[in-house]
Amino acid sequence: MTDRDLLFMPATAAARLIRKRALSPVEYVDAVLGAIEKTQPTVNAYATITADAARAEARAAEQAVMSGKQLGPLHGIPINIKDLFSTKGVRTAHGSAILADNIPSQDDILVTRLKDAGAIMVGKSTTPEFGHKGHTDSPSFGVTRNPWNLERTAGGSSGGAAAAVAAGLGPLGLGTDGAGSIRIPAAACGVVGLKPTTGAVPYEQTSDSFFNYAAAGPLTRTVADAALMMGCLTGPSTLDPWSLGAPGHGALPPSLISEDLSGVRIGYLSGMSDCGADVAANAKASLAALAALGAEVEEVDAGMDWIAGAARVMYLANLNVYFGHHLEKWRDRMDPVLVEWIATGSRANLVDFRKAQMARSRLYRGVQKLLESYDFLVTPTLPTTAIPAEAGKTVDALFNRGWNAFVYPFNQSGNPALSVPNGFGADGLPTGLQIVGRWWRDSDVLRLGAILERVQPWADRRPSV
């Protein structure tokens, strides 16, 4: 096996080889760290690289294998952790100069769960400052670039995690998604990204647990790897009230256990937003492939208000509340986009904010009503392939060209939403298909994504970087 084959091997396959003593965790981690070192000047996917700790953990992982100890499902598998998650003894800067010296005293619960499953953290992946926008750049670390074309954006805010997985810099990444921040970079970089049902994976970072619309979830090269990670991440936390009543991430219905999709109803939200001709063609080709397996596919023009204005009010007002107090001291070292958005958010009043919250309730009810008629809702993930990397430096960075038009509504509604690669655009860059399911049916969207992966395989495609 060449190093390149090893770097692009799914985590499921690597874990199996490690358990059989056919793959050394030490050699695996060394290969990943070597690739990170080579690509860091170009792709720039990592904010912090934990090489010494990763090699020590790999040696311990190998000894555990040779000693016949019980192994976790991710034993010996390299993983990147987005630099918004607390990691014990490892800088967690949130992409900001403000927290450049922040060394947490304990791990986030999800980091703990991944480590308990045997994963080996090779570094903290890049995020824009406090994860505020759909592109990954920051005055603190520069620009994270798309491995398929270094002139294009990796998306964001989990852009480092997606770029790392796409470039073979570890098969797994842990990201966050408050307005598309897992799915945007997944589509831009040609990988799998799942925003789980709100509460399926506990999210302890939010400042407002009860109003939360963000989620943590996996970024991987294959749907099976995403499912493998989800099995390690789910479960309640007393610090996340949404997670306390979670029934798991859903049992598979018989209709999805095989590739016979007879009776499965899919609603294609064709009128939700404009998109490029190549993106639309790839979406329709994917739907045709699912229809050929028996799925009933209908175009749905729901006539819904997707609350773009209200969602923007909530998002920007929250940025002001969460981070506005930093401006007096740190304005000149903060991302100018974040500074501008905080200023915009400061102009929202309580009536504006409450009206936006009520609009969110209407959107939630409208989405759930649609899912009474359909098992899944489907859209393109992004309206275009990855746009220029420098686009993230403008004040309209999150909203330019309707960049997140297809994704943010399902943060507001809380439904599970999966982005899977579904082809390449006219410029040779990846496109993505978004699959939305009913609350707590995360396994359903993963299963439908896995079926699409089998009938339209993509994981054999690798960026030249």
Protein backbone atom coordinates (compact mmCIF):
# COMPACT_ATOMS: atom_id res chain seq x y z
CA MET A 1 0.00 0.00 0.00
CA THR A 2 1.36 3.44 -0.91
CA ASP A 3 1.23 6.31 1.54
CA ARG A 4 -1.32 7.99 -0.73
CA ASP A 5 -3.58 4.92 -0.62
CA LEU A 6 -3.24 4.90 3.16
CA LEU A 7 -4.08 8.58 3.46
CA PHE A 8 -7.29 8.18 1.46
CA MET A 9 -8.40 4.92 3.09
CA PRO A 10 -11.79 5.14 4.85
CA ALA A 11 -11.63 5.06 8.65
CA THR A 12 -13.80 1.94 8.67
CA ALA A 13 -11.22 0.06 6.60
CA ALA A 14 -8.26 1.42 8.57
CA ALA A 15 -9.84 0.47 11.90
CA ARG A 16 -10.44 -3.04 10.62
CA LEU A 17 -6.81 -3.40 9.51
CA ILE A 18 -5.55 -2.08 12.83
CA ARG A 19 -7.64 -4.63 14.74
CA LYS A 20 -6.22 -7.39 12.50
CA ARG A 21 -2.65 -6.13 13.16
CA ALA A 22 -2.31 -5.45 9.44
CA LEU A 23 -1.85 -1.70 9.89
CA SER A 24 0.39 -0.01 12.45
CA PRO A 25 -1.16 3.02 14.19
CA VAL A 26 2.35 4.42 14.44
CA GLU A 27 2.93 4.23 10.69
CA TYR A 28 -0.57 5.53 10.00
CA VAL A 29 -0.20 8.59 12.23
CA ASP A 30 3.30 9.24 10.87
CA ALA A 31 1.96 9.22 7.31
CA VAL A 32 -0.82 11.66 8.20
CA LEU A 33 1.54 14.01 10.07
CA GLY A 34 3.95 13.94 7.12
CA ALA A 35 1.16 14.89 4.75
CA ILE A 36 0.02 17.69 7.05
CA GLU A 37 3.55 19.10 7.12
CA LYS A 38 3.78 19.05 3.33
CA THR A 39 0.38 20.67 2.69
CA GLN A 40 0.27 23.19 5.55
CA PRO A 41 1.92 25.97 3.50
CA THR A 42 -0.70 25.59 0.74
CA VAL A 43 -3.95 24.14 2.12
CA ASN A 44 -3.43 25.53 5.65
CA ALA A 45 -6.00 23.22 7.25
CA TYR A 46 -4.55 23.14 10.76
CA ALA A 47 -4.33 25.90 13.37
CA THR A 48 -2.33 23.70 15.74
CA ILE A 49 -0.58 20.40 15.01
CA THR A 50 -0.18 18.03 17.95
CA ALA A 51 2.51 15.83 16.46
CA ASP A 52 4.33 14.76 19.63
CA ALA A 53 1.17 13.88 21.50
CA ALA A 54 -0.27 12.07 18.47
CA ARG A 55 2.85 9.95 18.05
CA ALA A 56 2.84 9.06 21.74
CA GLU A 57 -0.82 8.05 21.54
CA ALA A 58 -0.13 6.03 18.39
CA ARG A 59 2.60 4.09 20.19
CA ALA A 60 0.19 3.39 23.05
CA ALA A 61 -2.51 2.38 20.57
CA GLU A 62 -0.15 -0.06 18.87
CA GLN A 63 0.84 -1.57 22.20
CA ALA A 64 -2.82 -2.04 23.08
CA VAL A 65 -3.34 -3.95 19.82
CA MET A 66 -0.32 -6.18 20.38
CA SER A 67 -1.37 -6.83 23.99
CA GLY A 68 -4.82 -8.00 22.93
CA LYS A 69 -6.68 -5.27 24.83
CA GLN A 70 -10.27 -4.36 24.04
CA LEU A 71 -10.27 -1.74 21.30
CA GLY A 72 -12.71 1.07 20.62
CA PRO A 73 -14.38 1.57 17.22
CA LEU A 74 -11.94 4.37 16.28
CA HIS A 75 -8.83 2.77 17.74
CA GLY A 76 -5.72 4.28 16.16
CA ILE A 77 -7.62 6.52 13.72
CA PRO A 78 -6.26 10.07 13.20
CA ILE A 79 -8.80 12.86 13.63
CA ASN A 80 -8.85 16.64 13.47
CA ILE A 81 -10.82 18.66 15.99
CA LYS A 82 -12.18 22.06 14.98
CA ASP A 83 -10.55 24.83 16.96
CA LEU A 84 -13.82 25.71 18.69
CA PHE A 85 -13.77 22.60 20.90
CA SER A 86 -11.90 22.67 24.19
CA THR A 87 -8.93 20.31 24.23
CA LYS A 88 -7.08 19.69 27.48
CA GLY A 89 -3.56 21.11 27.41
CA VAL A 90 -3.84 22.13 23.74
CA ARG A 91 -4.44 25.70 22.63
CA THR A 92 -8.05 26.40 21.71
CA ALA A 93 -7.95 29.83 20.10
CA HIS A 94 -11.33 29.87 18.28
CA GLY A 95 -9.48 31.35 15.30
CA SER A 96 -8.94 34.56 17.29
CA ALA A 97 -6.03 36.56 18.66
CA ILE A 98 -8.23 37.16 21.70
CA LEU A 99 -7.82 33.55 22.81
CA ALA A 100 -4.34 32.92 21.42
CA ASP A 101 -3.13 31.87 24.87
CA ASN A 102 -6.20 29.85 25.86
CA ILE A 103 -5.14 26.41 27.13
CA PRO A 104 -8.22 24.54 28.44
CA SER A 105 -7.95 22.42 31.56
CA GLN A 106 -10.33 19.77 30.24
CA ASP A 107 -11.66 18.30 27.00
CA ASP A 108 -15.06 19.02 25.54
CA ILE A 109 -17.40 16.06 26.08
CA LEU A 110 -17.23 15.17 22.36
CA VAL A 111 -13.44 15.17 22.38
CA THR A 112 -13.61 12.88 25.41
CA ARG A 113 -16.00 10.53 23.60
CA LEU A 114 -13.81 10.37 20.51
CA LYS A 115 -10.69 9.70 22.55
CA ASP A 116 -12.54 7.02 24.53
CA ALA A 117 -13.38 5.41 21.18
CA GLY A 118 -9.65 5.30 20.38
CA ALA A 119 -9.29 8.25 18.00
CA ILE A 120 -5.94 10.07 17.94
CA MET A 121 -6.07 13.86 17.58
CA VAL A 122 -3.40 15.06 15.15
CA GLY A 123 -4.34 18.72 15.47
CA LYS A 124 -6.89 21.49 15.73
CA SER A 125 -8.42 22.41 12.37
CA THR A 126 -8.87 26.02 11.34
CA THR A 127 -12.02 28.07 11.81
CA PRO A 128 -12.81 31.71 11.08
CA GLU A 129 -12.86 33.85 14.21
CA PHE A 130 -15.40 32.27 16.60
CA GLY A 131 -16.77 30.32 13.62
CA HIS A 132 -18.71 33.35 12.44
CA LYS A 133 -18.77 32.92 8.64
CA GLY A 134 -19.01 30.45 5.78
CA HIS A 135 -15.38 30.86 4.69
CA THR A 136 -12.29 29.87 6.65
CA ASP A 137 -9.82 32.71 6.97
CA SER A 138 -8.62 34.80 9.89
CA PRO A 139 -6.05 37.50 10.67
CA SER A 140 -4.60 34.94 13.08
CA PHE A 141 -3.76 32.17 10.57
CA GLY A 142 -4.44 33.37 7.03
CA VAL A 143 -6.63 31.55 4.50
CA THR A 144 -7.54 27.88 4.42
CA ARG A 145 -7.76 26.79 0.79
CA ASN A 146 -9.69 24.20 -1.16
CA PRO A 147 -7.56 21.13 -1.95
CA TRP A 148 -9.22 20.79 -5.36
CA ASN A 149 -8.20 24.31 -6.37
CA LEU A 150 -6.09 26.47 -4.06
CA GLU A 151 -7.61 29.65 -5.48
CA ARG A 152 -11.04 28.64 -4.16
CA THR A 153 -12.56 28.69 -0.69
CA ALA A 154 -12.71 25.60 1.49
CA GLY A 155 -16.02 26.93 2.82
CA GLY A 156 -16.64 27.38 6.51
CA SER A 157 -16.77 27.66 9.27
CA SER A 158 -15.52 24.05 9.54
CA GLY A 159 -13.33 24.66 6.50
CA GLY A 160 -10.15 23.33 8.05
CA ALA A 161 -11.84 20.08 9.01
CA ALA A 162 -13.29 19.57 5.52
CA ALA A 163 -10.09 20.55 3.71
CA ALA A 164 -8.06 18.17 5.87
CA VAL A 165 -10.35 15.23 5.15
CA ALA A 166 -10.49 16.04 1.43
CA ALA A 167 -6.68 16.30 1.21
CA GLY A 168 -6.02 13.01 3.02
CA LEU A 169 -4.82 14.69 6.22
CA GLY A 170 -6.73 12.29 8.47
CA PRO A 171 -10.02 10.58 7.55
CA LEU A 172 -12.20 12.19 10.23
CA GLY A 173 -12.98 15.72 11.34
CA LEU A 174 -15.21 17.10 14.09
CA GLY A 175 -17.00 20.28 13.05
CA THR A 176 -19.80 22.59 14.08
CA ASP A 177 -22.76 23.94 12.13
CA GLY A 178 -24.76 27.02 13.13
CA ALA A 179 -25.85 28.18 9.65
CA GLY A 180 -24.39 25.52 7.38
CA SER A 181 -20.84 25.39 8.77
CA ILE A 182 -20.44 21.62 8.32
CA ARG A 183 -22.39 21.25 5.09
CA ILE A 184 -20.96 24.28 3.27
CA PRO A 185 -17.33 23.09 3.46
CA ALA A 186 -18.38 19.48 2.91
CA ALA A 187 -19.92 20.42 -0.43
CA ALA A 188 -17.12 22.81 -1.37
CA CYS A 189 -14.41 20.22 -0.64
CA GLY A 190 -16.21 17.09 -1.87
CA VAL A 191 -16.64 15.27 1.44
CA VAL A 192 -19.50 14.07 3.64
CA GLY A 193 -20.86 16.37 6.34
CA LEU A 194 -23.73 15.77 8.75
CA LYS A 195 -25.54 18.37 10.83
CA PRO A 196 -27.40 16.11 13.26
CA THR A 197 -30.83 16.68 14.73
CA THR A 198 -30.58 19.36 17.41
CA GLY A 199 -29.71 17.40 20.56
CA ALA A 200 -28.68 14.12 18.92
CA VAL A 201 -25.08 15.11 19.62
CA PRO A 202 -24.68 17.23 22.78
CA TYR A 203 -23.46 20.75 22.07
CA GLU A 204 -22.01 22.30 25.17
CA GLN A 205 -20.29 25.30 23.58
CA THR A 206 -23.32 27.46 22.99
CA SER A 207 -23.87 30.47 25.24
CA ASP A 208 -27.65 30.00 25.10
CA SER A 209 -28.59 26.34 25.45
CA PHE A 210 -32.34 26.84 25.08
CA PHE A 211 -32.20 29.06 22.00
CA ASN A 212 -29.48 27.02 20.33
CA TYR A 213 -29.64 26.20 16.61
CA ALA A 214 -26.06 24.96 16.20
CA ALA A 215 -24.85 21.37 16.20
CA ALA A 216 -21.62 19.40 16.22
CA GLY A 217 -21.08 16.61 13.72
CA PRO A 218 -18.74 14.61 11.51
CA LEU A 219 -16.85 15.48 8.33
CA THR A 220 -15.59 12.37 6.54
CA ARG A 221 -14.77 10.92 3.12
CA THR A 222 -17.51 8.27 3.24
CA VAL A 223 -21.00 8.00 4.69
CA ALA A 224 -20.00 4.88 6.62
CA ASP A 225 -17.27 6.87 8.34
CA ALA A 226 -19.81 9.54 9.30
CA ALA A 227 -22.07 6.85 10.76
CA LEU A 228 -19.09 5.39 12.63
CA MET A 229 -18.34 8.78 14.18
CA MET A 230 -21.98 9.40 15.02
CA GLY A 231 -22.06 6.17 16.98
CA CYS A 232 -19.30 7.59 19.17
CA LEU A 233 -20.77 11.11 19.55
CA THR A 234 -24.44 10.59 20.37
CA GLY A 235 -25.89 10.41 23.86
CA PRO A 236 -27.16 12.89 26.43
CA SER A 237 -25.25 15.51 28.39
CA THR A 238 -26.77 17.27 31.37
CA LEU A 239 -25.26 20.51 30.03
CA ASP A 240 -27.32 20.37 26.82
CA PRO A 241 -31.07 20.29 27.54
CA TRP A 242 -31.88 19.41 23.92
CA SER A 243 -29.95 16.16 24.30
CA LEU A 244 -31.69 14.90 27.43
CA GLY A 245 -34.72 13.42 25.70
CA ALA A 246 -32.93 12.28 22.56
CA PRO A 247 -33.95 8.75 21.54
CA GLY A 248 -30.70 8.14 19.64
CA HIS A 249 -30.32 8.95 15.97
CA GLY A 250 -33.06 6.75 14.61
CA ALA A 251 -33.68 3.16 13.63
CA LEU A 252 -33.43 2.23 9.97
CA PRO A 253 -36.80 1.57 8.33
CA PRO A 254 -37.00 -1.68 6.35
CA SER A 255 -37.34 0.27 3.12
CA LEU A 256 -33.81 1.63 3.54
CA ILE A 257 -32.01 -1.51 4.68
CA SER A 258 -31.56 -2.56 1.05
CA GLU A 259 -31.28 -0.50 -2.12
CA ASP A 260 -34.96 -1.05 -2.84
CA LEU A 261 -36.40 2.41 -2.28
CA SER A 262 -39.94 1.48 -3.26
CA GLY A 263 -42.37 3.64 -1.32
CA VAL A 264 -39.74 6.13 -0.17
CA ARG A 265 -41.00 9.64 -0.89
CA ILE A 266 -38.49 12.38 -1.71
CA GLY A 267 -39.43 16.03 -2.10
CA TYR A 268 -37.01 18.08 -4.21
CA LEU A 269 -37.22 21.69 -3.06
CA SER A 270 -36.77 23.09 -6.55
CA GLY A 271 -37.97 26.62 -5.78
CA MET A 272 -35.96 27.20 -2.62
CA SER A 273 -33.17 29.23 -4.27
CA ASP A 274 -31.41 29.73 -7.58
CA CYS A 275 -28.35 27.66 -8.40
CA GLY A 276 -25.94 27.08 -11.28
CA ALA A 277 -26.93 24.90 -14.22
CA ASP A 278 -24.22 22.33 -13.44
CA VAL A 279 -25.27 22.12 -9.78
CA ALA A 280 -28.93 21.67 -10.78
CA ALA A 281 -28.02 19.02 -13.34
CA ASN A 282 -26.04 17.03 -10.78
CA ALA A 283 -28.90 17.24 -8.28
CA LYS A 284 -31.38 15.97 -10.85
CA ALA A 285 -29.02 13.16 -11.86
CA SER A 286 -28.77 12.05 -8.24
CA LEU A 287 -32.52 12.13 -7.86
CA ALA A 288 -32.91 10.12 -11.05
CA ALA A 289 -30.52 7.51 -9.64
CA LEU A 290 -32.65 7.25 -6.49
CA ALA A 291 -35.83 7.09 -8.57
CA ALA A 292 -34.33 4.20 -10.53
CA LEU A 293 -34.17 2.30 -7.23
CA GLY A 294 -37.88 2.84 -6.66
CA ALA A 295 -38.04 6.17 -4.82
CA GLU A 296 -40.95 8.48 -5.59
CA VAL A 297 -39.41 11.87 -6.39
CA GLU A 298 -41.50 15.01 -6.72
CA GLU A 299 -40.49 18.60 -7.24
CA VAL A 300 -41.86 20.67 -4.37
CA ASP A 301 -42.32 24.40 -4.56
CA ALA A 302 -43.46 24.76 -1.01
CA GLY A 303 -44.23 28.46 -1.29
CA MET A 304 -42.60 28.83 2.09
CA ASP A 305 -40.93 31.83 3.63
CA TRP A 306 -37.42 30.56 4.29
CA ILE A 307 -36.96 33.51 6.70
CA ALA A 308 -33.65 34.73 5.27
CA GLY A 309 -34.11 38.17 6.83
CA ALA A 310 -35.23 36.85 10.20
CA ALA A 311 -32.42 34.31 10.34
CA ARG A 312 -29.95 37.09 9.60
CA VAL A 313 -31.36 39.22 12.42
CA MET A 314 -30.98 36.38 14.91
CA TYR A 315 -27.53 35.42 13.71
CA LEU A 316 -26.03 38.91 13.70
CA ALA A 317 -27.72 39.99 16.93
CA ASN A 318 -26.32 36.91 18.62
CA LEU A 319 -22.83 37.76 17.34
CA ASN A 320 -23.18 41.17 18.96
CA VAL A 321 -24.27 39.69 22.28
CA TYR A 322 -21.62 36.96 22.29
CA PHE A 323 -18.61 38.90 21.03
CA GLY A 324 -19.39 42.63 20.99
CA HIS A 325 -17.72 43.17 24.35
CA HIS A 326 -14.34 42.39 22.75
CA LEU A 327 -14.44 45.37 20.38
CA GLU A 328 -13.11 48.04 22.73
CA LYS A 329 -9.83 46.19 23.32
CA TRP A 330 -9.42 43.94 20.28
CA ARG A 331 -11.15 45.62 17.32
CA ASP A 332 -7.92 46.18 15.35
CA ARG A 333 -6.92 42.50 15.64
CA MET A 334 -10.34 41.02 14.89
CA ASP A 335 -11.66 39.89 11.51
CA PRO A 336 -13.14 43.03 9.88
CA VAL A 337 -16.11 40.96 8.71
CA LEU A 338 -16.91 39.95 12.28
CA VAL A 339 -16.51 43.56 13.43
CA GLU A 340 -18.94 44.73 10.76
CA TRP A 341 -21.45 42.00 11.54
CA ILE A 342 -21.33 42.80 15.25
CA ALA A 343 -22.09 46.41 14.39
CA THR A 344 -25.03 45.34 12.23
CA GLY A 345 -26.29 43.03 14.96
CA SER A 346 -26.12 45.82 17.52
CA ARG A 347 -28.79 47.72 15.61
CA ALA A 348 -31.46 45.02 16.10
CA ASN A 349 -33.95 45.81 18.85
CA LEU A 350 -35.92 43.43 21.06
CA VAL A 351 -39.03 43.60 18.86
CA ASP A 352 -36.98 42.71 15.76
CA PHE A 353 -35.43 39.78 17.59
CA ARG A 354 -38.71 38.42 18.94
CA LYS A 355 -40.34 38.69 15.51
CA ALA A 356 -37.43 36.74 14.09
CA GLN A 357 -37.88 34.06 16.74
CA MET A 358 -41.54 33.74 15.85
CA ALA A 359 -40.61 33.46 12.17
CA ARG A 360 -38.35 30.59 13.18
CA SER A 361 -41.33 28.82 14.75
CA ARG A 362 -43.30 29.24 11.52
CA LEU A 363 -40.41 27.82 9.52
CA TYR A 364 -40.08 24.87 11.89
CA ARG A 365 -43.76 24.03 11.51
CA GLY A 366 -43.64 24.40 7.74
CA VAL A 367 -40.70 22.01 7.41
CA GLN A 368 -42.32 19.42 9.68
CA LYS A 369 -45.54 19.71 7.67
CA LEU A 370 -43.63 18.95 4.47
CA LEU A 371 -42.10 15.90 6.14
CA GLU A 372 -45.57 14.54 6.80
CA SER A 373 -45.85 14.11 3.02
CA TYR A 374 -42.23 13.16 2.29
CA ASP A 375 -39.67 10.92 3.97
CA PHE A 376 -36.86 13.23 2.86
CA LEU A 377 -36.38 16.72 1.48
CA VAL A 378 -33.51 17.23 -0.96
CA THR A 379 -31.69 20.29 -2.26
CA PRO A 380 -28.29 21.12 -3.67
CA THR A 381 -26.05 21.92 -0.72
CA LEU A 382 -24.51 24.99 -2.33
CA PRO A 383 -25.77 27.02 -5.29
CA THR A 384 -22.35 26.90 -6.99
CA THR A 385 -19.04 25.14 -6.68
CA ALA A 386 -16.47 26.76 -4.37
CA ILE A 387 -16.12 30.48 -4.98
CA PRO A 388 -12.82 32.42 -4.71
CA ALA A 389 -10.91 32.03 -1.46
CA GLU A 390 -10.67 35.78 -1.02
CA ALA A 391 -14.48 36.15 -1.03
CA GLY A 392 -14.53 35.50 2.69
CA LYS A 393 -12.78 38.79 3.39
CA THR A 394 -15.71 40.94 2.27
CA VAL A 395 -18.44 42.06 4.65
CA ASP A 396 -21.12 40.09 2.80
CA ALA A 397 -19.05 36.90 3.08
CA LEU A 398 -21.75 34.71 4.61
CA PHE A 399 -24.50 35.94 2.37
CA ASN A 400 -22.73 36.52 -0.98
CA ARG A 401 -24.38 34.82 -3.94
CA GLY A 402 -26.87 33.12 -1.61
CA TRP A 403 -23.94 30.96 -0.48
CA ASN A 404 -25.80 29.37 2.43
CA ALA A 405 -29.35 29.69 1.11
CA PHE A 406 -30.04 25.94 1.07
CA VAL A 407 -28.53 25.10 4.45
CA TYR A 408 -29.34 27.63 7.19
CA PRO A 409 -33.12 26.88 7.29
CA PHE A 410 -32.45 23.42 8.69
CA ASN A 411 -30.43 24.85 11.55
CA GLN A 412 -33.47 26.90 12.38
CA SER A 413 -35.82 23.89 12.06
CA GLY A 414 -33.45 21.49 13.85
CA ASN A 415 -33.82 18.66 11.31
CA PRO A 416 -30.89 16.37 10.46
CA ALA A 417 -29.24 17.43 7.20
CA LEU A 418 -26.52 15.53 5.36
CA SER A 419 -24.35 16.83 2.53
CA VAL A 420 -22.94 14.16 0.23
CA PRO A 421 -20.76 14.66 -2.86
CA ASN A 422 -22.75 14.12 -6.05
CA GLY A 423 -20.45 15.03 -8.91
CA PHE A 424 -18.33 17.84 -10.27
CA GLY A 425 -19.22 21.17 -11.80
CA ALA A 426 -18.15 22.61 -15.12
CA ASP A 427 -14.99 23.94 -13.45
CA GLY A 428 -13.99 20.50 -12.15
CA LEU A 429 -14.82 21.28 -8.52
CA PRO A 430 -17.13 19.15 -6.35
CA THR A 431 -20.86 19.66 -5.90
CA GLY A 432 -23.00 18.39 -3.06
CA LEU A 433 -26.53 17.13 -2.45
CA GLN A 434 -28.30 17.90 0.82
CA ILE A 435 -30.60 15.26 2.30
CA VAL A 436 -32.92 16.44 5.08
CA GLY A 437 -34.85 14.03 7.30
CA ARG A 438 -37.32 14.00 10.15
CA TRP A 439 -36.27 14.82 13.70
CA TRP A 440 -34.20 12.05 15.34
CA ARG A 441 -33.95 10.12 12.06
CA ASP A 442 -30.28 10.86 11.48
CA SER A 443 -29.65 7.23 10.55
CA ASP A 444 -32.22 7.54 7.78
CA VAL A 445 -30.40 10.40 6.07
CA LEU A 446 -27.10 8.55 6.46
CA ARG A 447 -28.59 5.42 4.93
CA LEU A 448 -30.02 7.29 1.93
CA GLY A 449 -26.67 9.02 1.52
CA ALA A 450 -24.91 5.65 1.60
CA ILE A 451 -27.19 4.32 -1.14
CA LEU A 452 -26.42 7.36 -3.30
CA GLU A 453 -22.72 6.84 -2.58
CA ARG A 454 -22.93 3.28 -3.90
CA VAL A 455 -24.82 4.11 -7.07
CA GLN A 456 -22.80 7.28 -7.73
CA PRO A 457 -19.40 6.51 -6.17
CA TRP A 458 -17.11 9.43 -5.49
CA ALA A 459 -14.53 8.42 -2.85
CA ASP A 460 -12.06 7.22 -5.49
CA ARG A 461 -11.64 10.82 -6.71
CA ARG A 462 -8.74 12.63 -5.01
CA PRO A 463 -7.51 16.21 -5.30
CA SER A 464 -4.07 16.55 -6.84
CA VAL A 465 -2.72 18.54 -3.90
